[in-house]
Amino acid sequence: MIDAGTLLMYGWALAQEALSLEQARTVALSTLVVFQAFHLFSHRSELRSVFSMSVTSNRFLFLAQTGAFVVELDKLISRRFGLAA
């Protein structure tokens, strides 16, 4: 599922005339990061359902994922508004 979604987004990005190859690769990598974050949170316990656990039940995992999300969001905002080369 993760690889199919990533390849689908990569193919979509390549089909867009306004996006370069490097931008299509960035779309694919960002898609992979998002899929991995969902995968990580859905597999936190072997015995309990993801819906019966609090998102913050593992503080270290929550902080690490929040940090990764902030970094991705910062890159997205910087590129969107032309703040980074």
Protein backbone atom coordinates (compact mmCIF):
# COMPACT_ATOMS: atom_id res chain seq x y z
CA MET A 1 0.00 0.00 0.00
CA ILE A 2 2.80 2.41 0.91
CA ASP A 3 4.79 1.72 -2.24
CA ALA A 4 1.72 1.83 -4.49
CA GLY A 5 0.65 5.20 -3.06
CA THR A 6 4.16 6.59 -3.40
CA LEU A 7 4.48 5.42 -7.00
CA LEU A 8 1.01 6.75 -7.80
CA MET A 9 1.92 10.20 -6.50
CA TYR A 10 5.27 10.09 -8.33
CA GLY A 11 3.49 9.23 -11.58
CA TRP A 12 0.96 11.99 -11.01
CA ALA A 13 3.73 14.52 -10.34
CA LEU A 14 5.61 13.47 -13.49
CA ALA A 15 2.42 13.97 -15.52
CA GLN A 16 2.15 17.58 -14.34
CA GLU A 17 3.87 19.82 -16.86
CA ALA A 18 4.61 22.48 -14.25
CA LEU A 19 6.72 20.11 -12.10
CA SER A 20 10.32 19.13 -12.81
CA LEU A 21 11.82 15.69 -12.21
CA GLU A 22 13.36 16.90 -8.94
CA GLN A 23 9.99 18.21 -7.75
CA ALA A 24 8.33 14.91 -8.67
CA ARG A 25 10.94 13.10 -6.59
CA THR A 26 10.23 15.47 -3.70
CA VAL A 27 6.51 14.70 -3.98
CA ALA A 28 7.29 10.97 -3.86
CA LEU A 29 9.56 11.33 -0.83
CA SER A 30 7.07 13.51 1.04
CA THR A 31 4.32 10.98 0.29
CA LEU A 32 6.51 8.18 1.63
CA VAL A 33 7.17 10.17 4.84
CA VAL A 34 3.44 10.72 5.41
CA PHE A 35 2.63 7.04 4.77
CA GLN A 36 5.37 5.97 7.18
CA ALA A 37 4.01 8.29 9.88
CA PHE A 38 0.54 6.73 9.60
CA HIS A 39 2.10 3.25 9.56
CA LEU A 40 4.12 4.05 12.68
CA PHE A 41 1.12 5.25 14.67
CA SER A 42 -1.07 2.34 13.58
CA HIS A 43 1.46 -0.29 14.71
CA ARG A 44 2.30 0.92 18.22
CA SER A 45 0.98 -2.18 19.99
CA GLU A 46 0.65 -5.86 19.14
CA LEU A 47 -2.16 -6.40 21.63
CA ARG A 48 -4.29 -3.25 21.59
CA SER A 49 -6.21 -1.52 18.83
CA VAL A 50 -4.89 1.79 17.56
CA PHE A 51 -8.29 3.29 18.38
CA SER A 52 -8.11 2.26 22.05
CA MET A 53 -4.76 3.98 22.64
CA SER A 54 -4.02 7.65 23.16
CA VAL A 55 -1.87 9.32 20.51
CA THR A 56 0.45 10.51 23.26
CA SER A 57 0.71 7.15 25.06
CA ASN A 58 4.33 6.90 23.92
CA ARG A 59 5.79 10.37 24.55
CA PHE A 60 9.07 9.74 22.77
CA LEU A 61 7.32 8.48 19.64
CA PHE A 62 4.91 11.41 19.71
CA LEU A 63 7.71 13.96 20.11
CA ALA A 64 9.80 12.36 17.34
CA GLN A 65 6.86 12.34 14.91
CA THR A 66 5.89 15.89 15.83
CA GLY A 67 9.48 16.99 15.15
CA ALA A 68 9.50 15.22 11.78
CA PHE A 69 6.17 16.82 10.89
CA VAL A 70 7.44 20.29 11.81
CA VAL A 71 10.54 19.79 9.63
CA GLU A 72 8.41 18.66 6.66
CA LEU A 73 5.98 21.54 7.16
CA ASP A 74 8.84 24.03 7.39
CA LYS A 75 10.29 22.76 4.10
CA LEU A 76 6.88 22.97 2.44
CA ILE A 77 6.21 26.52 3.63
CA SER A 78 9.73 27.67 2.74
CA ARG A 79 9.43 26.34 -0.81
CA ARG A 80 5.90 27.65 -1.29
CA PHE A 81 6.81 31.20 -0.38
CA GLY A 82 10.25 31.16 -1.98
CA LEU A 83 12.17 31.46 1.27
CA ALA A 84 14.69 28.71 0.43
CA ALA A 85 16.64 27.98 -2.73
